[in-house]
N, C-alpha and C. Protein backbone atom coordinates (compact mmCIF):
# COMPACT_ATOMS: atom_id res chain seq x y z
N MET A 1 -8.74 46.52 50.59
CA MET A 1 -8.63 44.88 49.64
C MET A 1 -7.48 44.83 49.03
N ARG A 2 -7.10 45.77 48.16
CA ARG A 2 -5.77 45.27 47.55
C ARG A 2 -4.61 45.34 48.41
N LEU A 3 -4.64 45.86 49.48
CA LEU A 3 -3.43 46.02 50.22
C LEU A 3 -3.27 44.22 51.00
N ILE A 4 -5.04 43.44 51.25
CA ILE A 4 -4.97 42.45 51.91
C ILE A 4 -4.50 41.32 50.73
N LYS A 5 -4.81 41.20 49.76
CA LYS A 5 -4.47 40.40 48.71
C LYS A 5 -2.95 40.69 48.47
N MET A 6 -1.99 42.12 48.14
CA MET A 6 -0.78 41.61 48.27
C MET A 6 -0.50 41.23 49.17
N LEU A 7 -0.77 41.32 50.51
CA LEU A 7 -0.10 40.55 51.47
C LEU A 7 -0.19 39.42 51.41
N ALA A 8 -1.32 38.83 50.94
CA ALA A 8 -1.37 37.39 50.95
C ALA A 8 -0.61 36.81 49.78
N HIS A 9 -0.52 37.61 48.81
CA HIS A 9 0.68 36.84 47.72
C HIS A 9 1.76 36.97 48.18
N PHE A 10 2.63 37.83 49.07
CA PHE A 10 3.74 37.80 49.29
C PHE A 10 3.77 37.19 51.27
N HIS A 11 2.49 35.79 50.69
CA HIS A 11 2.72 34.92 52.31
C HIS A 11 3.32 36.02 53.82
N VAL A 12 2.69 36.76 53.82
CA VAL A 12 2.65 37.41 55.13
C VAL A 12 1.64 36.63 56.08
N LYS A 13 2.66 36.33 57.24
CA LYS A 13 2.34 35.00 58.37
C LYS A 13 0.58 35.95 58.92
N GLY A 14 -0.38 35.61 59.48
CA GLY A 14 -1.44 36.06 60.38
C GLY A 14 -2.39 35.80 59.72
N MET A 15 -2.26 36.18 58.09
CA MET A 15 -3.41 37.01 57.28
C MET A 15 -4.43 35.47 56.99
N ALA A 16 -4.25 34.43 57.39
CA ALA A 16 -5.37 32.97 57.52
C ALA A 16 -6.19 33.45 58.38
N GLY A 17 -5.72 34.45 59.47
CA GLY A 17 -7.25 34.61 60.61
C GLY A 17 -7.96 35.70 60.01
N GLN A 18 -7.52 36.09 58.81
CA GLN A 18 -8.95 37.02 58.32
C GLN A 18 -9.62 36.49 57.44
N ILE A 19 -9.42 35.19 57.35
CA ILE A 19 -10.35 34.87 56.14
C ILE A 19 -12.08 34.65 56.51
N GLU A 20 -12.33 34.19 57.49
CA GLU A 20 -13.93 34.90 58.14
C GLU A 20 -14.32 35.64 57.84
N LYS A 21 -13.53 36.49 58.13
CA LYS A 21 -14.09 38.07 58.30
C LYS A 21 -14.42 38.55 56.70
N LEU A 22 -13.17 38.16 56.18
CA LEU A 22 -13.35 38.75 54.83
C LEU A 22 -14.31 37.78 53.64
N TRP A 23 -14.56 36.61 53.96
CA TRP A 23 -16.30 35.97 53.88
C TRP A 23 -17.39 36.83 54.11
N GLU A 24 -16.93 37.16 55.37
CA GLU A 24 -17.95 37.63 55.96
C GLU A 24 -18.79 39.32 55.21
N TYR A 25 -17.61 39.96 54.76
CA TYR A 25 -17.62 41.02 54.41
C TYR A 25 -17.80 41.14 52.71
N GLY A 26 -18.12 39.93 52.48
CA GLY A 26 -18.27 39.41 50.41
C GLY A 26 -17.09 39.64 50.27
N ALA A 27 -15.63 39.89 50.71
CA ALA A 27 -14.60 40.02 49.73
C ALA A 27 -13.94 38.68 49.85
N TYR A 28 -14.66 38.12 48.72
CA TYR A 28 -14.31 36.39 48.40
C TYR A 28 -12.93 36.68 47.26
N ALA A 29 -12.51 37.45 46.13
CA ALA A 29 -11.37 37.42 45.99
C ALA A 29 -10.53 37.70 46.94
N GLU A 30 -10.42 38.34 47.54
CA GLU A 30 -9.27 38.42 48.60
C GLU A 30 -9.55 37.44 49.77
N ALA A 31 -9.89 36.88 49.84
CA ALA A 31 -10.39 35.41 50.68
C ALA A 31 -9.65 34.48 50.41
N VAL A 32 -10.33 34.19 48.86
CA VAL A 32 -9.54 33.19 48.12
C VAL A 32 -8.03 33.31 48.41
N SER A 33 -7.32 34.72 47.46
CA SER A 33 -6.19 34.63 47.44
C SER A 33 -5.59 34.52 49.35
N VAL A 34 -5.55 34.51 49.80
CA VAL A 34 -5.37 34.16 51.56
C VAL A 34 -5.30 32.69 51.34
N ILE A 35 -6.41 32.59 50.96
CA ILE A 35 -6.25 30.58 51.65
C ILE A 35 -5.40 29.88 50.59
N THR A 36 -5.53 30.73 49.35
CA THR A 36 -4.26 30.12 48.23
C THR A 36 -3.14 30.34 48.40
N TYR A 37 -2.66 31.49 49.29
CA TYR A 37 -1.39 31.83 49.27
C TYR A 37 -1.19 31.79 50.35
N GLU A 38 -1.60 31.83 51.67
CA GLU A 38 -1.24 31.82 53.41
C GLU A 38 -2.11 30.55 53.66
N GLY A 39 -2.95 30.10 53.07
CA GLY A 39 -3.61 28.97 53.97
C GLY A 39 -2.61 27.66 53.51
N ASP A 40 -2.61 26.61 54.97
CA ASP A 40 -2.34 25.44 54.52
C ASP A 40 -3.00 24.44 54.04
N TRP A 41 -3.00 23.13 54.16
CA TRP A 41 -3.51 22.44 53.47
C TRP A 41 -5.32 22.03 54.47
N ASP A 42 -4.94 21.81 55.82
CA ASP A 42 -6.01 22.07 56.17
C ASP A 42 -7.16 22.97 56.53
N ILE A 43 -6.22 24.02 55.95
CA ILE A 43 -7.45 25.55 55.49
C ILE A 43 -8.01 25.61 54.49
N LYS A 44 -7.10 25.02 53.35
CA LYS A 44 -7.95 24.52 52.00
C LYS A 44 -8.97 23.63 52.29
N LYS A 45 -8.53 22.94 52.54
CA LYS A 45 -9.81 21.52 53.11
C LYS A 45 -11.00 21.94 53.57
N LYS A 46 -11.00 22.98 54.73
CA LYS A 46 -11.79 23.87 55.50
C LYS A 46 -12.94 24.86 54.79
N TRP A 47 -11.78 25.77 53.82
CA TRP A 47 -13.13 26.25 52.80
C TRP A 47 -13.07 26.07 51.35
N GLN A 48 -13.11 24.48 50.72
CA GLN A 48 -12.81 23.67 49.74
C GLN A 48 -14.51 23.70 49.40
N GLU A 49 -15.13 24.16 49.94
CA GLU A 49 -16.82 23.91 49.31
C GLU A 49 -17.39 25.26 49.51
N GLN A 50 -16.77 26.02 50.15
CA GLN A 50 -17.21 27.52 49.82
C GLN A 50 -16.30 27.86 48.07
N ILE A 51 -14.87 27.69 48.29
CA ILE A 51 -14.97 28.19 46.92
C ILE A 51 -15.34 27.42 46.23
N LEU A 52 -15.51 26.09 46.17
CA LEU A 52 -16.32 25.93 44.95
C LEU A 52 -17.90 25.78 44.35
N GLU A 53 -18.62 26.77 45.77
CA GLU A 53 -19.55 27.04 45.50
C GLU A 53 -19.52 28.51 45.07
N LYS A 54 -18.29 29.25 45.19
CA LYS A 54 -18.34 30.73 44.43
C LYS A 54 -17.31 30.60 43.00
N LEU A 55 -16.73 29.73 42.57
CA LEU A 55 -16.30 29.24 41.48
C LEU A 55 -16.62 29.71 40.45
N PRO A 56 -17.82 29.55 39.99
CA PRO A 56 -18.85 30.38 38.81
C PRO A 56 -18.51 31.91 38.56
N GLN A 57 -18.82 32.26 40.24
CA GLN A 57 -19.07 34.39 40.11
C GLN A 57 -17.58 34.47 39.76
N LEU A 58 -16.16 33.91 40.31
CA LEU A 58 -15.38 34.74 40.28
C LEU A 58 -14.16 34.73 38.65
N ARG A 59 -13.92 35.61 38.51
CA ARG A 59 -12.80 35.90 37.52
C ARG A 59 -11.22 36.16 37.63
N GLY A 60 -10.50 36.47 36.49
CA GLY A 60 -9.65 37.07 36.81
C GLY A 60 -8.44 36.14 37.83
N ASP A 61 -7.54 37.15 38.74
CA ASP A 61 -6.88 36.22 39.30
C ASP A 61 -7.53 35.25 40.99
N ALA A 62 -8.81 35.70 41.06
CA ALA A 62 -9.40 35.12 42.05
C ALA A 62 -9.83 33.94 41.24
N PHE A 63 -10.26 33.42 40.04
CA PHE A 63 -10.83 32.51 39.54
C PHE A 63 -9.47 31.37 39.54
N ARG A 64 -8.28 32.11 39.05
CA ARG A 64 -7.17 31.35 39.18
C ARG A 64 -6.59 31.01 40.18
N ASP A 65 -6.99 31.66 41.35
CA ASP A 65 -6.31 31.39 42.49
C ASP A 65 -6.83 30.11 43.32
N ALA A 66 -8.67 30.15 43.05
CA ALA A 66 -9.43 29.29 43.94
C ALA A 66 -9.11 28.21 42.78
N CYS A 67 -8.51 28.09 41.47
CA CYS A 67 -8.31 26.65 40.55
C CYS A 67 -7.14 26.14 41.17
N TYR A 68 -6.29 26.81 41.32
CA TYR A 68 -5.07 26.37 42.33
C TYR A 68 -5.38 25.65 43.31
N THR A 69 -6.13 25.98 44.40
CA THR A 69 -6.70 25.79 45.63
C THR A 69 -7.33 24.49 45.13
N ILE A 70 -8.25 24.51 44.62
CA ILE A 70 -8.73 23.01 44.13
C ILE A 70 -7.67 21.89 43.66
N LYS A 71 -6.83 22.30 42.45
CA LYS A 71 -5.77 21.21 41.98
C LYS A 71 -5.47 20.90 43.22
N ALA A 72 -4.76 21.81 44.49
CA ALA A 72 -3.77 21.26 45.79
C ALA A 72 -4.65 20.62 46.32
N LEU A 73 -6.20 20.11 46.38
CA LEU A 73 -7.27 19.39 47.48
C LEU A 73 -7.34 18.01 46.14
N LYS A 74 -6.62 17.61 45.13
CA LYS A 74 -6.62 17.07 44.09
C LYS A 74 -7.12 15.61 44.78
N ASP A 75 -6.42 15.38 46.03
CA ASP A 75 -6.40 13.69 46.45
C ASP A 75 -7.58 13.67 47.51
N CYS A 76 -8.62 14.61 47.76
CA CYS A 76 -9.77 14.68 48.50
C CYS A 76 -10.75 13.95 47.93
N PRO A 77 -11.42 12.66 48.38
CA PRO A 77 -12.73 12.28 47.64
C PRO A 77 -13.40 12.71 47.37
N ASP A 78 -13.60 13.89 47.63
CA ASP A 78 -14.72 14.90 47.63
C ASP A 78 -14.71 15.61 46.05
N ILE A 79 -13.22 15.82 45.71
CA ILE A 79 -12.89 16.38 44.65
C ILE A 79 -12.74 16.12 43.59
N ASN A 80 -13.49 16.16 42.60
CA ASN A 80 -13.42 15.62 41.22
C ASN A 80 -13.53 17.05 39.94
N ALA A 81 -13.40 16.19 38.80
CA ALA A 81 -13.50 17.43 37.87
C ALA A 81 -15.14 17.51 37.34
N GLY A 82 -15.82 16.90 37.69
CA GLY A 82 -17.18 17.07 37.76
C GLY A 82 -17.89 18.04 38.46
N ARG A 83 -16.82 18.38 39.58
CA ARG A 83 -17.63 19.90 40.69
C ARG A 83 -17.39 21.10 39.68
N LEU A 84 -16.38 20.89 38.39
CA LEU A 84 -15.74 22.07 37.86
C LEU A 84 -16.96 22.35 37.02
N LYS A 85 -17.78 21.50 36.91
CA LYS A 85 -18.99 21.78 35.23
C LYS A 85 -19.40 22.87 35.06
N GLU A 86 -19.84 23.35 36.60
CA GLU A 86 -20.72 24.96 36.10
C GLU A 86 -19.66 26.14 35.60
N ALA A 87 -18.44 25.75 36.35
CA ALA A 87 -17.38 27.00 35.90
C ALA A 87 -17.22 26.67 34.43
N LEU A 88 -17.21 25.50 33.99
CA LEU A 88 -16.52 25.29 32.52
C LEU A 88 -17.60 25.91 31.19
N VAL A 89 -18.75 26.02 31.61
CA VAL A 89 -19.78 26.51 30.45
C VAL A 89 -19.88 27.77 30.70
N GLN A 90 -18.78 28.62 30.98
CA GLN A 90 -19.39 30.22 31.93
C GLN A 90 -18.36 30.52 30.17
N LYS A 91 -19.57 31.89 29.86
CA LYS A 91 -19.18 32.32 28.62
C LYS A 91 -17.87 33.59 28.84
N ASP A 92 -17.81 34.27 30.17
CA ASP A 92 -17.14 35.16 29.43
C ASP A 92 -15.49 34.61 30.25
N LEU A 93 -15.17 33.65 30.40
CA LEU A 93 -14.02 33.24 31.02
C LEU A 93 -12.94 33.52 30.00
N ASP A 94 -11.91 34.08 30.51
CA ASP A 94 -10.63 34.80 28.97
C ASP A 94 -9.45 33.58 29.12
N ARG A 95 -8.76 33.55 28.07
CA ARG A 95 -7.83 32.85 27.77
C ARG A 95 -7.37 32.09 28.97
N SER A 96 -6.27 33.39 29.97
CA SER A 96 -5.90 33.04 31.53
C SER A 96 -6.88 32.06 32.06
N ASP A 97 -7.78 32.72 32.19
CA ASP A 97 -9.06 31.72 33.21
C ASP A 97 -8.93 30.32 32.54
N LYS A 98 -9.17 30.17 31.44
CA LYS A 98 -9.52 28.79 30.74
C LYS A 98 -8.52 27.84 30.94
N THR A 99 -6.79 28.64 30.70
CA THR A 99 -5.74 27.48 30.66
C THR A 99 -5.69 27.00 32.49
N VAL A 100 -5.97 27.87 33.05
CA VAL A 100 -5.46 26.94 34.77
C VAL A 100 -6.83 26.83 34.55
N LEU A 101 -8.39 26.62 34.83
CA LEU A 101 -8.86 25.51 34.62
C LEU A 101 -8.78 24.57 34.21
N PHE A 102 -8.24 24.56 32.93
CA PHE A 102 -8.07 23.08 32.18
C PHE A 102 -6.86 22.16 33.18
N TYR A 103 -5.77 22.86 33.21
CA TYR A 103 -4.87 22.98 33.66
C TYR A 103 -4.58 21.89 35.61
N CYS A 104 -6.26 22.76 35.99
CA CYS A 104 -6.73 22.38 37.14
C CYS A 104 -7.25 20.78 36.83
N ILE A 105 -7.63 20.64 35.93
CA ILE A 105 -9.00 19.73 36.17
C ILE A 105 -7.75 18.15 34.91
N ARG A 106 -7.07 18.56 34.65
CA ARG A 106 -6.07 17.94 34.29
C ARG A 106 -5.51 16.93 35.88
N ALA A 107 -5.72 17.59 36.84
CA ALA A 107 -4.97 16.89 37.56
C ALA A 107 -6.02 15.66 38.87
N LEU A 108 -7.29 16.17 38.46
CA LEU A 108 -8.25 15.99 38.96
C LEU A 108 -8.34 14.26 38.39
N SER A 109 -9.47 13.89 39.30
CA SER A 109 -10.38 12.45 38.91
C SER A 109 -11.39 12.80 38.35
N GLY A 110 -11.86 11.54 37.74
CA GLY A 110 -13.51 11.78 37.19
C GLY A 110 -13.88 12.40 35.93
N LYS A 111 -12.43 12.81 35.23
CA LYS A 111 -12.93 13.60 34.21
C LYS A 111 -13.56 13.17 32.89
N GLU A 112 -14.28 11.79 32.78
CA GLU A 112 -15.72 11.47 31.83
C GLU A 112 -16.68 12.13 32.25
N VAL A 113 -16.68 13.10 33.35
CA VAL A 113 -17.90 13.62 33.11
C VAL A 113 -18.34 14.72 32.63
N VAL A 114 -16.86 15.43 32.38
CA VAL A 114 -16.56 16.74 31.24
C VAL A 114 -16.43 16.30 30.07
N VAL A 115 -15.80 15.20 29.65
CA VAL A 115 -16.01 14.82 28.24
C VAL A 115 -16.53 15.44 27.24
N ASP A 116 -17.96 15.82 27.30
CA ASP A 116 -18.81 16.18 26.50
C ASP A 116 -18.46 17.73 26.47
N TYR A 117 -18.63 18.42 27.43
CA TYR A 117 -18.01 19.74 27.14
C TYR A 117 -16.72 19.68 26.24
N PHE A 118 -15.77 19.02 26.38
CA PHE A 118 -14.47 19.33 25.78
C PHE A 118 -14.46 18.60 24.49
N LEU A 119 -15.41 18.01 24.23
CA LEU A 119 -15.71 17.10 23.09
C LEU A 119 -16.42 18.20 22.21
N ASP A 120 -17.12 19.30 22.37
CA ASP A 120 -17.70 20.47 21.91
C ASP A 120 -16.57 21.53 21.66
N PHE A 121 -15.84 21.90 22.89
CA PHE A 121 -15.07 22.71 22.66
C PHE A 121 -13.66 22.74 21.67
N LEU A 122 -13.06 20.98 21.94
CA LEU A 122 -12.24 20.49 20.99
C LEU A 122 -12.68 20.92 19.58
N SER A 123 -13.78 20.92 19.22
CA SER A 123 -14.33 20.75 17.64
C SER A 123 -14.65 22.37 17.21
N VAL A 124 -14.65 23.23 17.60
CA VAL A 124 -14.92 24.26 17.10
C VAL A 124 -13.57 25.70 18.08
N GLU A 125 -12.47 25.38 18.89
CA GLU A 125 -11.48 26.23 19.25
C GLU A 125 -11.13 26.47 18.21
N GLN A 126 -10.48 28.15 18.09
CA GLN A 126 -9.12 27.69 16.95
C GLN A 126 -7.98 28.44 17.57
N ASP A 127 -7.69 28.52 18.98
CA ASP A 127 -6.49 29.54 19.46
C ASP A 127 -6.22 27.94 20.05
N PRO A 128 -4.75 27.51 19.09
CA PRO A 128 -3.77 26.41 19.71
C PRO A 128 -3.34 26.39 20.96
N TYR A 129 -2.96 27.61 21.43
CA TYR A 129 -2.56 27.87 23.13
C TYR A 129 -3.73 26.72 24.29
N LEU A 130 -4.83 27.28 23.94
CA LEU A 130 -6.04 27.00 24.77
C LEU A 130 -6.37 24.97 24.05
N LEU A 131 -5.95 24.82 22.80
CA LEU A 131 -6.49 23.32 22.52
C LEU A 131 -4.79 22.81 23.07
N ILE A 132 -3.81 23.23 23.55
CA ILE A 132 -3.28 22.39 24.35
C ILE A 132 -3.24 22.09 25.70
N TYR A 133 -3.57 23.23 26.47
CA TYR A 133 -4.16 22.88 28.06
C TYR A 133 -5.47 21.72 27.65
N ALA A 134 -6.26 21.92 27.09
CA ALA A 134 -7.81 21.14 26.68
C ALA A 134 -7.25 20.20 26.61
N ILE A 135 -5.91 19.40 25.60
CA ILE A 135 -5.86 18.01 25.34
C ILE A 135 -5.19 17.40 26.56
N GLN A 136 -4.10 17.67 27.46
CA GLN A 136 -3.72 17.34 28.73
C GLN A 136 -4.37 17.40 29.33
N ALA A 137 -6.06 18.19 29.65
CA ALA A 137 -6.86 18.43 30.62
C ALA A 137 -7.36 17.04 30.24
N LEU A 138 -7.10 16.19 29.56
CA LEU A 138 -7.88 14.81 28.89
C LEU A 138 -6.81 13.74 29.13
N GLU A 139 -5.47 13.81 30.04
CA GLU A 139 -4.56 12.68 29.72
C GLU A 139 -5.49 11.28 30.73
N ARG A 140 -5.09 10.32 30.03
CA ARG A 140 -5.76 9.20 30.67
C ARG A 140 -7.16 8.72 30.42
N ILE A 141 -7.79 9.52 28.92
CA ILE A 141 -9.35 9.68 29.46
C ILE A 141 -9.17 8.97 27.66
N SER A 142 -9.82 7.72 27.34
CA SER A 142 -9.83 6.46 26.33
C SER A 142 -11.24 6.74 25.76
N ASP A 143 -11.57 7.66 24.75
CA ASP A 143 -13.08 7.72 24.32
C ASP A 143 -12.74 7.53 22.66
N ARG A 144 -13.54 6.93 21.87
CA ARG A 144 -13.50 6.99 20.63
C ARG A 144 -14.24 8.28 20.00
N ARG A 145 -14.74 9.10 20.32
CA ARG A 145 -15.48 10.45 19.96
C ARG A 145 -14.09 11.28 20.48
N LEU A 146 -13.33 11.11 20.99
CA LEU A 146 -12.52 11.97 21.18
C LEU A 146 -11.21 11.80 20.48
N GLN A 147 -11.01 10.51 20.33
CA GLN A 147 -10.23 9.89 19.07
C GLN A 147 -10.46 10.36 18.09
N SER A 148 -11.96 10.71 17.34
CA SER A 148 -11.91 10.68 15.96
C SER A 148 -11.87 12.30 15.96
N ILE A 149 -12.05 13.08 16.90
CA ILE A 149 -11.88 14.49 16.84
C ILE A 149 -10.18 14.89 16.59
N TYR A 150 -9.64 14.01 17.81
CA TYR A 150 -7.91 14.19 17.38
C TYR A 150 -7.37 13.99 16.16
N VAL A 151 -8.05 13.22 15.73
CA VAL A 151 -7.55 13.09 14.32
C VAL A 151 -7.49 13.88 13.52
N LYS A 152 -9.08 14.59 13.30
CA LYS A 152 -9.41 15.92 13.10
C LYS A 152 -8.19 16.97 13.44
N LEU A 153 -7.61 17.28 14.10
CA LEU A 153 -7.25 18.12 14.73
C LEU A 153 -5.59 17.99 14.07
N LEU A 154 -5.13 16.92 14.24
CA LEU A 154 -4.01 16.38 13.71
C LEU A 154 -3.85 16.54 11.87
N ASP A 155 -4.79 16.50 11.46
CA ASP A 155 -5.26 17.26 9.79
C ASP A 155 -5.14 18.68 9.82
N ARG A 156 -5.60 19.29 10.48
CA ARG A 156 -5.74 20.88 10.77
C ARG A 156 -4.41 21.28 11.26
N TYR A 157 -3.58 20.69 11.83
CA TYR A 157 -2.40 21.31 12.12
C TYR A 157 -1.35 21.19 11.77
N ARG A 158 -1.10 19.42 11.59
CA ARG A 158 -0.01 18.65 10.90
C ARG A 158 0.75 19.32 9.88
N THR A 159 0.04 20.17 8.91
CA THR A 159 0.84 20.77 7.56
C THR A 159 1.30 22.25 7.75
N SER A 160 0.81 22.46 9.06
CA SER A 160 0.57 24.20 9.35
C SER A 160 2.43 24.41 9.60
N GLU A 161 2.86 25.72 9.29
CA GLU A 161 4.43 26.25 8.92
C GLU A 161 5.18 26.09 10.50
N ASN A 162 4.28 25.91 11.82
CA ASN A 162 5.18 26.27 12.81
C ASN A 162 5.32 24.33 12.85
N ALA A 163 4.52 23.36 12.70
CA ALA A 163 4.09 22.27 13.30
C ALA A 163 5.42 21.66 12.18
N GLN A 164 5.53 22.16 11.10
CA GLN A 164 6.51 21.44 10.16
C GLN A 164 7.96 22.12 10.37
N ARG A 165 8.11 23.26 11.20
CA ARG A 165 9.21 23.61 11.55
C ARG A 165 9.86 22.97 12.76
N ASP A 166 8.92 22.46 13.66
CA ASP A 166 9.12 21.43 14.94
C ASP A 166 8.99 20.04 14.47
N TYR A 167 8.48 19.29 13.35
CA TYR A 167 8.97 18.10 12.70
C TYR A 167 10.50 18.50 12.38
N GLN A 168 11.23 19.26 11.91
CA GLN A 168 12.27 19.63 11.34
C GLN A 168 13.25 19.47 12.33
N GLY A 169 12.78 19.91 13.71
CA GLY A 169 13.49 19.83 14.78
C GLY A 169 13.67 18.42 15.45
N SER A 170 12.46 17.59 15.33
CA SER A 170 12.54 16.31 15.84
C SER A 170 13.22 15.36 14.91
N GLN A 171 13.86 15.51 14.16
CA GLN A 171 14.70 15.01 13.16
C GLN A 171 16.02 15.07 13.64
N LYS A 172 16.42 16.27 13.85
CA LYS A 172 17.87 16.52 14.55
C LYS A 172 18.11 15.52 15.69
N VAL A 173 19.33 14.88 15.76
CA VAL A 173 20.29 14.18 16.48
C VAL A 173 20.75 14.98 17.71
N LEU A 174 20.82 14.92 18.74
CA LEU A 174 21.49 16.16 19.70
C LEU A 174 22.27 14.88 19.67
N PRO A 175 22.98 15.88 20.97
CA PRO A 175 24.52 14.86 21.10
C PRO A 175 23.39 14.42 22.76
N GLY A 176 23.92 12.89 22.72
CA GLY A 176 22.94 12.13 23.62
C GLY A 176 22.34 11.41 22.97
N GLY A 177 21.88 11.56 22.02
CA GLY A 177 20.77 10.79 20.75
C GLY A 177 19.32 11.81 21.32
N GLY A 178 19.35 12.56 21.44
CA GLY A 178 18.08 13.07 21.84
C GLY A 178 17.56 14.01 20.69
N CYS A 179 16.38 14.41 20.69
CA CYS A 179 16.07 15.34 19.82
C CYS A 179 15.06 16.20 20.08
N LEU A 180 15.28 17.68 19.38
CA LEU A 180 14.31 19.06 19.94
C LEU A 180 13.42 18.53 20.08
N GLY A 181 12.12 19.02 21.02
CA GLY A 181 10.77 19.00 20.96
C GLY A 181 10.21 20.13 20.46
N ALA A 182 8.99 19.83 20.72
CA ALA A 182 8.24 20.79 20.11
C ALA A 182 7.62 22.32 21.10
N SER A 183 8.20 23.58 20.02
CA SER A 183 8.31 24.97 20.48
C SER A 183 7.21 25.55 20.31
N ARG A 184 6.46 25.28 19.19
CA ARG A 184 5.63 26.14 18.73
C ARG A 184 4.23 26.10 19.14
N PRO A 185 3.11 26.85 19.35
CA PRO A 185 1.82 26.67 19.48
C PRO A 185 1.54 25.23 18.78
N GLU A 186 1.34 25.58 17.57
CA GLU A 186 0.81 24.49 16.56
C GLU A 186 1.54 23.13 16.55
N GLY A 187 2.51 23.17 17.07
CA GLY A 187 3.83 21.98 16.80
C GLY A 187 3.50 21.75 18.52
N GLN A 188 3.36 22.47 19.18
CA GLN A 188 3.03 21.49 21.04
C GLN A 188 1.50 21.09 20.63
N VAL A 189 0.56 21.61 19.93
CA VAL A 189 -1.12 20.84 19.51
C VAL A 189 -0.25 19.49 19.17
N VAL A 190 -0.04 19.36 17.72
CA VAL A 190 0.65 18.00 17.53
C VAL A 190 1.07 17.21 18.05
N SER A 191 2.38 17.90 18.81
CA SER A 191 3.28 16.87 19.57
C SER A 191 2.12 16.32 21.16
N ASN A 192 1.00 16.48 21.45
CA ASN A 192 0.32 16.73 22.63
C ASN A 192 -0.76 15.59 22.08
N LEU A 193 -1.28 15.50 20.70
CA LEU A 193 -1.81 14.86 20.05
C LEU A 193 -1.50 13.66 19.51
N MET A 194 -0.32 13.55 19.15
CA MET A 194 0.67 12.28 19.10
C MET A 194 0.71 11.46 20.29
N ARG A 195 0.90 11.95 21.38
CA ARG A 195 0.97 11.29 22.67
C ARG A 195 -0.60 10.84 23.29
N ARG A 196 -1.60 11.34 22.49
CA ARG A 196 -2.58 10.45 23.00
C ARG A 196 -2.95 9.13 22.26
N PHE A 197 -2.44 9.24 20.91
CA PHE A 197 -2.19 7.34 20.33
C PHE A 197 -0.74 7.26 20.67
N ASP A 198 -0.16 7.44 21.75
CA ASP A 198 0.76 6.61 22.23
C ASP A 198 1.97 6.56 21.15
N LEU A 199 2.58 8.24 20.60
CA LEU A 199 3.23 8.19 19.63
C LEU A 199 3.15 6.83 18.15
N PHE A 200 2.10 6.76 18.10
CA PHE A 200 1.76 5.93 16.73
C PHE A 200 2.22 4.21 16.78
N GLY A 201 2.76 4.48 18.68
CA GLY A 201 3.63 3.12 18.34
C GLY A 201 4.93 3.43 18.12
N LEU A 202 5.69 4.19 17.94
CA LEU A 202 7.14 4.58 17.98
C LEU A 202 7.35 5.53 18.79
N ASP A 203 8.83 5.98 18.55
CA ASP A 203 9.65 6.66 19.31
C ASP A 203 9.14 7.80 18.76
N TYR A 204 9.38 9.14 19.32
CA TYR A 204 8.79 10.55 19.14
C TYR A 204 9.65 11.14 18.14
N ARG A 205 10.59 10.77 17.39
CA ARG A 205 11.18 11.03 15.98
C ARG A 205 10.37 10.49 14.90
N GLY A 206 9.64 9.13 15.65
CA GLY A 206 9.32 8.23 14.28
C GLY A 206 7.76 8.68 14.35
N ALA A 207 7.05 9.14 15.21
CA ALA A 207 6.08 9.58 15.02
C ALA A 207 5.81 10.90 14.05
N TRP A 208 6.76 11.90 14.37
CA TRP A 208 6.47 12.99 13.92
C TRP A 208 6.74 12.66 12.22
N LYS A 209 7.75 11.54 11.68
CA LYS A 209 7.76 10.89 10.65
C LYS A 209 6.82 10.35 10.19
N LEU A 210 6.38 9.47 10.57
CA LEU A 210 5.38 8.70 9.74
C LEU A 210 3.85 9.83 9.94
N LEU A 211 3.78 11.18 10.80
CA LEU A 211 2.51 12.27 10.85
C LEU A 211 2.82 12.88 9.31
N MET A 212 4.02 13.27 8.96
CA MET A 212 4.46 14.14 7.88
C MET A 212 4.58 13.57 6.79
N ASN A 213 4.03 11.96 6.95
CA ASN A 213 4.23 11.51 5.29
C ASN A 213 2.73 11.00 5.00
N ASP A 214 2.14 11.48 4.03
CA ASP A 214 0.87 11.73 3.77
C ASP A 214 0.19 10.20 3.51
N GLN A 215 1.00 9.63 2.74
CA GLN A 215 0.47 8.08 2.76
C GLN A 215 0.25 7.01 3.75
N ARG A 216 1.72 7.34 4.18
CA ARG A 216 1.67 6.53 5.93
C ARG A 216 0.60 7.22 6.91
N TRP A 217 0.24 7.99 7.17
CA TRP A 217 -0.71 8.71 7.51
C TRP A 217 -2.11 8.39 7.60
N GLU A 218 -2.30 8.34 6.24
CA GLU A 218 -3.60 8.07 6.03
C GLU A 218 -3.75 5.97 5.90
N GLU A 219 -2.51 5.47 5.98
CA GLU A 219 -3.00 4.01 5.85
C GLU A 219 -2.82 3.67 7.52
N TRP A 220 -2.29 4.51 8.34
CA TRP A 220 -2.38 4.73 9.92
C TRP A 220 -3.90 4.98 10.42
N LYS A 221 -4.54 5.69 9.66
CA LYS A 221 -6.22 6.37 10.27
C LYS A 221 -6.82 4.85 9.56
N ARG A 222 -6.51 4.60 8.35
CA ARG A 222 -7.80 3.17 7.93
C ARG A 222 -7.42 2.17 8.55
N LEU A 223 -6.11 1.90 9.43
CA LEU A 223 -5.57 0.82 9.96
C LEU A 223 -7.05 1.30 11.51
N HIS A 224 -6.62 2.08 11.89
CA HIS A 224 -7.39 1.86 13.21
C HIS A 224 -9.10 2.74 13.07
N ASN A 225 -9.34 2.93 11.89
CA ASN A 225 -11.14 3.53 11.54
C ASN A 225 -11.03 4.15 12.03
N LEU A 226 -10.38 5.45 11.83
CA LEU A 226 -10.19 7.08 12.45
C LEU A 226 -10.07 7.82 11.17
N GLU A 227 -10.38 7.06 9.95
CA GLU A 227 -10.76 8.28 8.73
C GLU A 227 -11.62 9.54 8.99
N ASN A 228 -11.29 10.16 8.39
CA ASN A 228 -12.56 11.86 8.61
C ASN A 228 -13.61 11.18 7.64
């Protein structure tokens, strides 16, 4: 089985012909690897329902491979974020599993169905790396409840040492007029959150400057009725 998985990752031809036998044997992790790395779009489409059915039971490489396949099928009418609700609530997903799952959801339609999960997740999660992917997963979702949580997260991270360093980088003018983007995890959380508010109607450099000015930040929150 390890050999089969290795061959799939190296795109060895002919592996797709073994998917049915692998599935029959219960070698789901290996079958998913073949579907992901060797299977073309038609093969992915053919096996999508089986992958969605098994996704909550998979972990590690197999779980992440399945997410990549689902993301590749994002334009199919029967693929949407709601199909991943059961996987989202699994308690034993590690950081890598969650980041890839959130990355997959970011590309899917129908994210309104999973907003309640993310409301809870964003309210309690302390890992900035996971917060980055969770915030990105909710692109193009406008929800007042989310905005309130975003403001709380901004208040938590905007004064952190790493966010302050990324703020300083944002104020430096590079050749061509650009500036340094956020590179530290806490700064990236802040940067992604600012984009959820369209940079407060400013450019990137100006948005950082508003956020780091206590008076201006409090005024912006009052103006938009988003005070804690």
